[in-house]
Amino acid sequence: MRGADRLIQQQYEMLLRRDVARLPELYATDAHYAMPGVTVRPPELPALLRTWTGAFPDLRVEPLGAVRTAGGAAVEQLLTGTHTGVLHTPFGTVAPTGRDVAWEVVDVVRVRRGRIAAWRSYFDWGQLMTLLGLHVAGTSRRPSEPVGVPA
């Protein structure tokens, strides 16, 4: 397994085991992790990811595909879970809705000298909020469901 593949797989496994305290060990000291509205350095990453596992205790990741480059990879996946905990977002907190949701995420990961140099997660906050049953200003209909996910 190439270096990027190994590091990406390790991060996903640690997240799914809820063993996020050691995630900074996978990152270069000057690295960053970003998602829409949030950018953190490696020491802050465990707290950020605990907000997701706290909001979705049964969070699951289903890989859909990947594109590899010499310096990293882009990985598409489907995240699923039941929203039973408070979700902390850049826009405020969302009380548990009890809804089962599935949303697509693309992670773009760059690796340097055997460590993660940058990890960017791309997803649509508006779609996720709508799936949770919240009205998002400027939307007039429920977004289409990802392929293979029942409505």
N, C-alpha and C. Protein backbone atom coordinates (compact mmCIF):
# COMPACT_ATOMS: atom_id res chain seq x y z
N MET A 1 0.85 -1.18 0.00
CA MET A 1 0.00 0.00 0.00
C MET A 1 0.89 1.24 0.00
N ARG A 2 0.58 2.16 -0.88
CA ARG A 2 1.37 3.39 -0.95
C ARG A 2 1.19 4.22 0.32
N GLY A 3 2.10 5.16 0.54
CA GLY A 3 2.08 5.98 1.75
C GLY A 3 0.77 6.71 1.99
N ALA A 4 0.24 7.37 0.95
CA ALA A 4 -1.01 8.12 1.11
C ALA A 4 -2.15 7.18 1.44
N ASP A 5 -2.23 6.05 0.73
CA ASP A 5 -3.30 5.08 0.99
C ASP A 5 -3.25 4.61 2.44
N ARG A 6 -2.06 4.31 2.91
CA ARG A 6 -1.89 3.81 4.29
C ARG A 6 -2.35 4.86 5.31
N LEU A 7 -1.93 6.10 5.12
CA LEU A 7 -2.29 7.17 6.06
C LEU A 7 -3.79 7.45 6.04
N ILE A 8 -4.38 7.46 4.86
CA ILE A 8 -5.82 7.70 4.74
C ILE A 8 -6.59 6.57 5.43
N GLN A 9 -6.20 5.35 5.15
CA GLN A 9 -6.85 4.20 5.77
C GLN A 9 -6.70 4.24 7.30
N GLN A 10 -5.53 4.61 7.78
CA GLN A 10 -5.32 4.72 9.23
C GLN A 10 -6.26 5.75 9.84
N GLN A 11 -6.40 6.91 9.19
CA GLN A 11 -7.28 7.94 9.75
C GLN A 11 -8.72 7.47 9.77
N TYR A 12 -9.21 6.86 8.69
CA TYR A 12 -10.58 6.36 8.67
C TYR A 12 -10.79 5.30 9.75
N GLU A 13 -9.84 4.38 9.90
CA GLU A 13 -9.97 3.33 10.91
C GLU A 13 -9.99 3.91 12.31
N MET A 14 -9.12 4.89 12.57
CA MET A 14 -9.08 5.51 13.89
C MET A 14 -10.40 6.24 14.18
N LEU A 15 -10.96 6.90 13.18
CA LEU A 15 -12.24 7.59 13.34
C LEU A 15 -13.34 6.58 13.66
N LEU A 16 -13.40 5.50 12.91
CA LEU A 16 -14.46 4.52 13.12
C LEU A 16 -14.32 3.77 14.44
N ARG A 17 -13.09 3.63 14.95
CA ARG A 17 -12.86 3.03 16.28
C ARG A 17 -13.07 4.04 17.40
N ARG A 18 -13.26 5.31 17.01
CA ARG A 18 -13.39 6.42 17.97
C ARG A 18 -12.09 6.60 18.74
N ASP A 19 -10.98 6.27 18.09
CA ASP A 19 -9.64 6.39 18.66
C ASP A 19 -8.93 7.57 17.99
N VAL A 20 -9.44 8.78 18.24
CA VAL A 20 -8.94 9.95 17.52
C VAL A 20 -7.81 10.69 18.25
N ALA A 21 -7.52 10.34 19.45
CA ALA A 21 -6.49 11.06 20.23
C ALA A 21 -5.12 11.01 19.55
N ARG A 22 -4.81 9.92 18.85
CA ARG A 22 -3.50 9.78 18.22
C ARG A 22 -3.47 10.26 16.77
N LEU A 23 -4.56 10.80 16.26
CA LEU A 23 -4.57 11.28 14.88
C LEU A 23 -3.45 12.27 14.56
N PRO A 24 -3.11 13.21 15.45
CA PRO A 24 -2.04 14.15 15.13
C PRO A 24 -0.72 13.49 14.77
N GLU A 25 -0.49 12.26 15.23
CA GLU A 25 0.75 11.55 14.90
C GLU A 25 0.87 11.27 13.40
N LEU A 26 -0.25 11.24 12.68
CA LEU A 26 -0.25 10.97 11.24
C LEU A 26 0.13 12.21 10.43
N TYR A 27 0.11 13.38 11.08
CA TYR A 27 0.25 14.66 10.39
C TYR A 27 1.63 15.28 10.58
N ALA A 28 2.07 16.02 9.57
CA ALA A 28 3.26 16.86 9.70
C ALA A 28 2.93 17.97 10.71
N THR A 29 3.94 18.49 11.39
CA THR A 29 3.69 19.50 12.42
C THR A 29 3.08 20.79 11.85
N ASP A 30 3.36 21.11 10.58
CA ASP A 30 2.80 22.32 9.97
C ASP A 30 1.56 22.04 9.12
N ALA A 31 0.98 20.87 9.27
CA ALA A 31 -0.17 20.46 8.47
C ALA A 31 -1.46 21.14 8.93
N HIS A 32 -2.52 20.94 8.15
CA HIS A 32 -3.84 21.41 8.54
C HIS A 32 -4.90 20.45 8.04
N TYR A 33 -6.05 20.48 8.71
CA TYR A 33 -7.24 19.72 8.32
C TYR A 33 -8.32 20.77 8.12
N ALA A 34 -9.03 20.69 7.01
CA ALA A 34 -10.06 21.69 6.73
C ALA A 34 -11.34 21.03 6.23
N MET A 35 -12.45 21.63 6.61
CA MET A 35 -13.76 21.30 6.06
C MET A 35 -14.47 22.63 5.90
N PRO A 36 -15.58 22.67 5.17
CA PRO A 36 -16.23 23.96 4.95
C PRO A 36 -16.48 24.72 6.26
N GLY A 37 -15.84 25.88 6.39
CA GLY A 37 -16.03 26.74 7.54
C GLY A 37 -15.09 26.50 8.71
N VAL A 38 -14.23 25.49 8.63
CA VAL A 38 -13.36 25.14 9.75
C VAL A 38 -11.99 24.70 9.23
N THR A 39 -10.94 25.24 9.83
CA THR A 39 -9.58 24.76 9.57
C THR A 39 -8.88 24.63 10.91
N VAL A 40 -8.26 23.46 11.14
CA VAL A 40 -7.56 23.23 12.40
C VAL A 40 -6.17 22.66 12.13
N ARG A 41 -5.32 22.80 13.12
CA ARG A 41 -3.99 22.19 13.11
C ARG A 41 -4.10 20.80 13.74
N PRO A 42 -3.12 19.94 13.54
CA PRO A 42 -3.21 18.56 14.06
C PRO A 42 -3.60 18.43 15.53
N PRO A 43 -3.07 19.24 16.46
CA PRO A 43 -3.48 19.05 17.85
C PRO A 43 -4.97 19.29 18.11
N GLU A 44 -5.62 20.07 17.24
CA GLU A 44 -7.04 20.39 17.41
C GLU A 44 -7.96 19.38 16.73
N LEU A 45 -7.39 18.52 15.90
CA LEU A 45 -8.19 17.59 15.10
C LEU A 45 -9.01 16.60 15.93
N PRO A 46 -8.47 15.99 16.99
CA PRO A 46 -9.29 15.06 17.76
C PRO A 46 -10.58 15.70 18.28
N ALA A 47 -10.51 16.91 18.79
CA ALA A 47 -11.72 17.57 19.30
C ALA A 47 -12.73 17.81 18.18
N LEU A 48 -12.25 18.22 17.01
CA LEU A 48 -13.15 18.45 15.88
C LEU A 48 -13.85 17.16 15.48
N LEU A 49 -13.11 16.08 15.36
CA LEU A 49 -13.73 14.82 14.92
C LEU A 49 -14.62 14.21 16.00
N ARG A 50 -14.33 14.50 17.27
CA ARG A 50 -15.23 14.05 18.34
C ARG A 50 -16.59 14.72 18.24
N THR A 51 -16.65 15.93 17.68
CA THR A 51 -17.96 16.56 17.51
C THR A 51 -18.82 15.75 16.54
N TRP A 52 -18.17 15.15 15.53
CA TRP A 52 -18.92 14.35 14.55
C TRP A 52 -19.32 13.01 15.14
N THR A 53 -18.40 12.34 15.85
CA THR A 53 -18.75 11.04 16.43
C THR A 53 -19.71 11.21 17.61
N GLY A 54 -19.70 12.38 18.23
CA GLY A 54 -20.68 12.65 19.29
C GLY A 54 -22.06 12.88 18.72
N ALA A 55 -22.13 13.56 17.60
CA ALA A 55 -23.42 13.85 16.96
C ALA A 55 -23.98 12.61 16.26
N PHE A 56 -23.08 11.78 15.73
CA PHE A 56 -23.47 10.57 14.99
C PHE A 56 -22.71 9.39 15.59
N PRO A 57 -23.13 8.87 16.75
CA PRO A 57 -22.36 7.80 17.41
C PRO A 57 -22.21 6.55 16.56
N ASP A 58 -23.13 6.33 15.62
CA ASP A 58 -23.04 5.16 14.74
C ASP A 58 -22.47 5.52 13.37
N LEU A 59 -21.72 6.60 13.29
CA LEU A 59 -21.15 7.06 12.03
C LEU A 59 -20.43 5.94 11.30
N ARG A 60 -20.74 5.82 10.01
CA ARG A 60 -20.10 4.82 9.15
C ARG A 60 -19.58 5.50 7.89
N VAL A 61 -18.52 4.94 7.32
CA VAL A 61 -17.91 5.47 6.11
C VAL A 61 -17.89 4.37 5.06
N GLU A 62 -18.48 4.66 3.91
CA GLU A 62 -18.46 3.70 2.80
C GLU A 62 -17.69 4.31 1.64
N PRO A 63 -16.50 3.80 1.36
CA PRO A 63 -15.72 4.34 0.23
C PRO A 63 -16.46 4.11 -1.09
N LEU A 64 -16.46 5.13 -1.94
CA LEU A 64 -17.11 5.03 -3.25
C LEU A 64 -16.10 5.03 -4.39
N GLY A 65 -14.92 5.59 -4.15
CA GLY A 65 -13.90 5.63 -5.18
C GLY A 65 -12.75 6.51 -4.75
N ALA A 66 -11.65 6.42 -5.50
CA ALA A 66 -10.47 7.21 -5.18
C ALA A 66 -9.67 7.49 -6.44
N VAL A 67 -8.99 8.63 -6.41
CA VAL A 67 -8.06 9.01 -7.46
C VAL A 67 -6.73 9.27 -6.75
N ARG A 68 -5.69 8.60 -7.20
CA ARG A 68 -4.40 8.74 -6.56
C ARG A 68 -3.46 9.57 -7.41
N THR A 69 -2.62 10.34 -6.74
CA THR A 69 -1.59 11.13 -7.42
C THR A 69 -0.26 10.83 -6.75
N ALA A 70 0.80 11.36 -7.30
CA ALA A 70 2.12 11.14 -6.70
C ALA A 70 2.20 11.71 -5.29
N GLY A 71 1.46 12.78 -5.03
CA GLY A 71 1.55 13.44 -3.73
C GLY A 71 0.36 13.24 -2.82
N GLY A 72 -0.55 12.32 -3.16
CA GLY A 72 -1.70 12.12 -2.29
C GLY A 72 -2.84 11.41 -2.99
N ALA A 73 -4.06 11.76 -2.60
CA ALA A 73 -5.24 11.10 -3.17
C ALA A 73 -6.48 11.94 -2.89
N ALA A 74 -7.50 11.70 -3.70
CA ALA A 74 -8.85 12.22 -3.46
C ALA A 74 -9.75 11.00 -3.28
N VAL A 75 -10.50 10.99 -2.20
CA VAL A 75 -11.32 9.84 -1.86
C VAL A 75 -12.77 10.30 -1.71
N GLU A 76 -13.66 9.65 -2.44
CA GLU A 76 -15.08 9.93 -2.33
C GLU A 76 -15.71 8.86 -1.45
N GLN A 77 -16.56 9.28 -0.52
CA GLN A 77 -17.23 8.31 0.33
C GLN A 77 -18.63 8.79 0.70
N LEU A 78 -19.40 7.83 1.20
CA LEU A 78 -20.73 8.10 1.70
C LEU A 78 -20.67 7.94 3.21
N LEU A 79 -21.01 8.98 3.95
CA LEU A 79 -21.09 8.91 5.40
C LEU A 79 -22.55 8.70 5.77
N THR A 80 -22.79 7.81 6.72
CA THR A 80 -24.14 7.55 7.20
C THR A 80 -24.13 7.52 8.71
N GLY A 81 -25.25 7.90 9.29
CA GLY A 81 -25.36 7.84 10.74
C GLY A 81 -26.70 8.38 11.20
N THR A 82 -26.96 8.14 12.48
CA THR A 82 -28.18 8.63 13.12
C THR A 82 -27.81 9.82 13.99
N HIS A 83 -28.48 10.93 13.79
CA HIS A 83 -28.17 12.16 14.50
C HIS A 83 -28.80 12.14 15.90
N THR A 84 -28.07 11.57 16.86
CA THR A 84 -28.59 11.45 18.22
C THR A 84 -27.85 12.31 19.24
N GLY A 85 -26.82 13.04 18.79
CA GLY A 85 -26.08 13.93 19.67
C GLY A 85 -26.05 15.33 19.10
N VAL A 86 -25.60 16.28 19.89
CA VAL A 86 -25.50 17.67 19.44
C VAL A 86 -24.43 17.78 18.37
N LEU A 87 -24.76 18.43 17.26
CA LEU A 87 -23.81 18.67 16.18
C LEU A 87 -23.34 20.11 16.27
N HIS A 88 -22.05 20.29 16.46
CA HIS A 88 -21.46 21.62 16.51
C HIS A 88 -20.99 21.98 15.11
N THR A 89 -21.47 23.09 14.58
CA THR A 89 -21.13 23.51 13.22
C THR A 89 -20.54 24.91 13.27
N PRO A 90 -19.96 25.38 12.17
CA PRO A 90 -19.46 26.76 12.14
C PRO A 90 -20.59 27.79 12.29
N PHE A 91 -21.83 27.32 12.15
CA PHE A 91 -22.99 28.22 12.18
C PHE A 91 -23.75 28.15 13.49
N GLY A 92 -23.32 27.29 14.39
CA GLY A 92 -24.01 27.10 15.66
C GLY A 92 -24.23 25.63 15.92
N THR A 93 -24.97 25.31 16.97
CA THR A 93 -25.21 23.92 17.32
C THR A 93 -26.56 23.46 16.80
N VAL A 94 -26.64 22.17 16.50
CA VAL A 94 -27.88 21.56 16.03
C VAL A 94 -28.26 20.47 17.02
N ALA A 95 -29.41 20.64 17.64
CA ALA A 95 -29.90 19.64 18.59
C ALA A 95 -30.18 18.33 17.87
N PRO A 96 -30.09 17.21 18.58
CA PRO A 96 -30.34 15.91 17.95
C PRO A 96 -31.72 15.87 17.29
N THR A 97 -31.76 15.34 16.08
CA THR A 97 -33.03 15.22 15.35
C THR A 97 -33.52 13.78 15.31
N GLY A 98 -32.64 12.82 15.61
CA GLY A 98 -33.01 11.42 15.54
C GLY A 98 -33.06 10.87 14.12
N ARG A 99 -32.72 11.70 13.15
CA ARG A 99 -32.81 11.28 11.75
C ARG A 99 -31.61 10.44 11.32
N ASP A 100 -31.91 9.44 10.50
CA ASP A 100 -30.87 8.68 9.82
C ASP A 100 -30.53 9.46 8.55
N VAL A 101 -29.27 9.77 8.36
CA VAL A 101 -28.87 10.57 7.20
C VAL A 101 -27.69 9.93 6.50
N ALA A 102 -27.54 10.30 5.23
CA ALA A 102 -26.40 9.86 4.42
C ALA A 102 -25.99 11.04 3.57
N TRP A 103 -24.70 11.37 3.58
CA TRP A 103 -24.22 12.48 2.77
C TRP A 103 -22.86 12.13 2.20
N GLU A 104 -22.60 12.71 1.04
CA GLU A 104 -21.35 12.42 0.34
C GLU A 104 -20.27 13.42 0.74
N VAL A 105 -19.05 12.90 0.86
CA VAL A 105 -17.89 13.70 1.23
C VAL A 105 -16.74 13.32 0.29
N VAL A 106 -15.97 14.30 -0.12
CA VAL A 106 -14.74 14.05 -0.85
C VAL A 106 -13.59 14.59 -0.01
N ASP A 107 -12.64 13.70 0.29
CA ASP A 107 -11.45 14.09 1.03
C ASP A 107 -10.29 14.18 0.05
N VAL A 108 -9.61 15.32 0.06
CA VAL A 108 -8.42 15.51 -0.76
C VAL A 108 -7.25 15.57 0.22
N VAL A 109 -6.33 14.62 0.07
CA VAL A 109 -5.25 14.46 1.03
C VAL A 109 -3.91 14.61 0.31
N ARG A 110 -3.05 15.45 0.88
CA ARG A 110 -1.70 15.62 0.37
C ARG A 110 -0.72 15.09 1.42
N VAL A 111 0.27 14.35 0.93
CA VAL A 111 1.24 13.72 1.81
C VAL A 111 2.63 14.23 1.47
N ARG A 112 3.42 14.43 2.53
CA ARG A 112 4.80 14.88 2.36
C ARG A 112 5.67 14.13 3.37
N ARG A 113 6.71 13.51 2.89
CA ARG A 113 7.67 12.79 3.73
C ARG A 113 7.00 11.82 4.73
N GLY A 114 6.05 11.07 4.24
CA GLY A 114 5.42 10.04 5.06
C GLY A 114 4.41 10.52 6.07
N ARG A 115 4.00 11.78 5.98
CA ARG A 115 3.00 12.35 6.90
C ARG A 115 1.95 13.11 6.09
N ILE A 116 0.78 13.27 6.67
CA ILE A 116 -0.26 14.06 6.03
C ILE A 116 0.12 15.53 6.13
N ALA A 117 0.20 16.21 4.99
CA ALA A 117 0.53 17.64 4.97
C ALA A 117 -0.73 18.49 4.94
N ALA A 118 -1.79 17.98 4.32
CA ALA A 118 -3.07 18.70 4.25
C ALA A 118 -4.17 17.69 3.99
N TRP A 119 -5.29 17.90 4.68
CA TRP A 119 -6.49 17.06 4.49
C TRP A 119 -7.65 18.02 4.38
N ARG A 120 -8.33 17.99 3.25
CA ARG A 120 -9.50 18.84 3.04
C ARG A 120 -10.71 17.97 2.77
N SER A 121 -11.74 18.12 3.60
CA SER A 121 -13.00 17.41 3.40
C SER A 121 -13.99 18.38 2.76
N TYR A 122 -14.55 17.96 1.64
CA TYR A 122 -15.53 18.78 0.92
C TYR A 122 -16.90 18.12 1.01
N PHE A 123 -17.88 18.87 1.48
CA PHE A 123 -19.26 18.42 1.50
C PHE A 123 -20.16 19.65 1.55
N ASP A 124 -21.45 19.42 1.38
CA ASP A 124 -22.43 20.50 1.30
C ASP A 124 -23.18 20.60 2.63
N TRP A 125 -22.83 21.64 3.42
CA TRP A 125 -23.52 21.85 4.70
C TRP A 125 -25.02 22.02 4.50
N GLY A 126 -25.41 22.73 3.45
CA GLY A 126 -26.84 22.95 3.18
C GLY A 126 -27.58 21.65 2.98
N GLN A 127 -26.98 20.74 2.23
CA GLN A 127 -27.61 19.44 2.02
C GLN A 127 -27.73 18.68 3.33
N LEU A 128 -26.66 18.67 4.13
CA LEU A 128 -26.70 17.95 5.40
C LEU A 128 -27.77 18.54 6.32
N MET A 129 -27.85 19.86 6.41
CA MET A 129 -28.86 20.48 7.27
C MET A 129 -30.27 20.14 6.79
N THR A 130 -30.47 20.12 5.48
CA THR A 130 -31.78 19.77 4.93
C THR A 130 -32.12 18.32 5.25
N LEU A 131 -31.15 17.42 5.12
CA LEU A 131 -31.38 16.01 5.46
C LEU A 131 -31.73 15.85 6.94
N LEU A 132 -31.20 16.75 7.78
CA LEU A 132 -31.53 16.71 9.21
C LEU A 132 -32.88 17.33 9.50
N GLY A 133 -33.54 17.85 8.46
CA GLY A 133 -34.88 18.41 8.61
C GLY A 133 -34.91 19.89 8.93
N LEU A 134 -33.79 20.57 8.76
CA LEU A 134 -33.72 21.99 9.05
C LEU A 134 -33.92 22.78 7.77
N HIS A 135 -34.58 23.91 7.86
CA HIS A 135 -34.75 24.78 6.70
C HIS A 135 -33.47 25.57 6.49
N VAL A 136 -32.98 25.54 5.28
CA VAL A 136 -31.79 26.30 4.92
C VAL A 136 -32.23 27.43 4.01
N ALA A 137 -31.93 28.66 4.40
CA ALA A 137 -32.34 29.82 3.60
C ALA A 137 -31.88 29.65 2.16
N GLY A 138 -32.79 29.92 1.23
CA GLY A 138 -32.44 29.85 -0.18
C GLY A 138 -32.73 28.50 -0.81
N THR A 139 -33.17 27.51 -0.02
CA THR A 139 -33.52 26.22 -0.61
C THR A 139 -35.03 26.07 -0.62
N SER A 140 -35.55 25.46 -1.65
CA SER A 140 -36.99 25.32 -1.75
C SER A 140 -37.42 23.86 -1.82
N ARG A 141 -36.46 22.93 -1.90
CA ARG A 141 -36.83 21.52 -1.97
C ARG A 141 -35.75 20.67 -1.32
N ARG A 142 -36.13 19.46 -1.01
CA ARG A 142 -35.19 18.50 -0.42
C ARG A 142 -34.17 18.12 -1.50
N PRO A 143 -32.89 18.07 -1.14
CA PRO A 143 -31.88 17.68 -2.13
C PRO A 143 -32.08 16.23 -2.53
N SER A 144 -31.62 15.88 -3.70
CA SER A 144 -31.72 14.50 -4.14
C SER A 144 -30.85 13.63 -3.24
N GLU A 145 -31.31 12.43 -3.00
CA GLU A 145 -30.59 11.49 -2.16
C GLU A 145 -29.39 10.94 -2.93
N PRO A 146 -28.30 10.64 -2.24
CA PRO A 146 -27.18 9.97 -2.90
C PRO A 146 -27.64 8.63 -3.47
N VAL A 147 -27.01 8.18 -4.50
CA VAL A 147 -27.38 6.92 -5.15
C VAL A 147 -27.29 5.79 -4.16
N GLY A 148 -28.33 4.94 -4.17
CA GLY A 148 -28.32 3.75 -3.31
C GLY A 148 -28.79 4.00 -1.90
N VAL A 149 -29.23 5.19 -1.58
CA VAL A 149 -29.70 5.49 -0.23
C VAL A 149 -31.20 5.69 -0.29
N PRO A 150 -31.97 4.90 0.49
CA PRO A 150 -33.42 5.07 0.46
C PRO A 150 -33.84 6.43 0.97
N ALA A 151 -34.90 6.95 0.41
CA ALA A 151 -35.43 8.26 0.82
C ALA A 151 -36.12 8.18 2.15
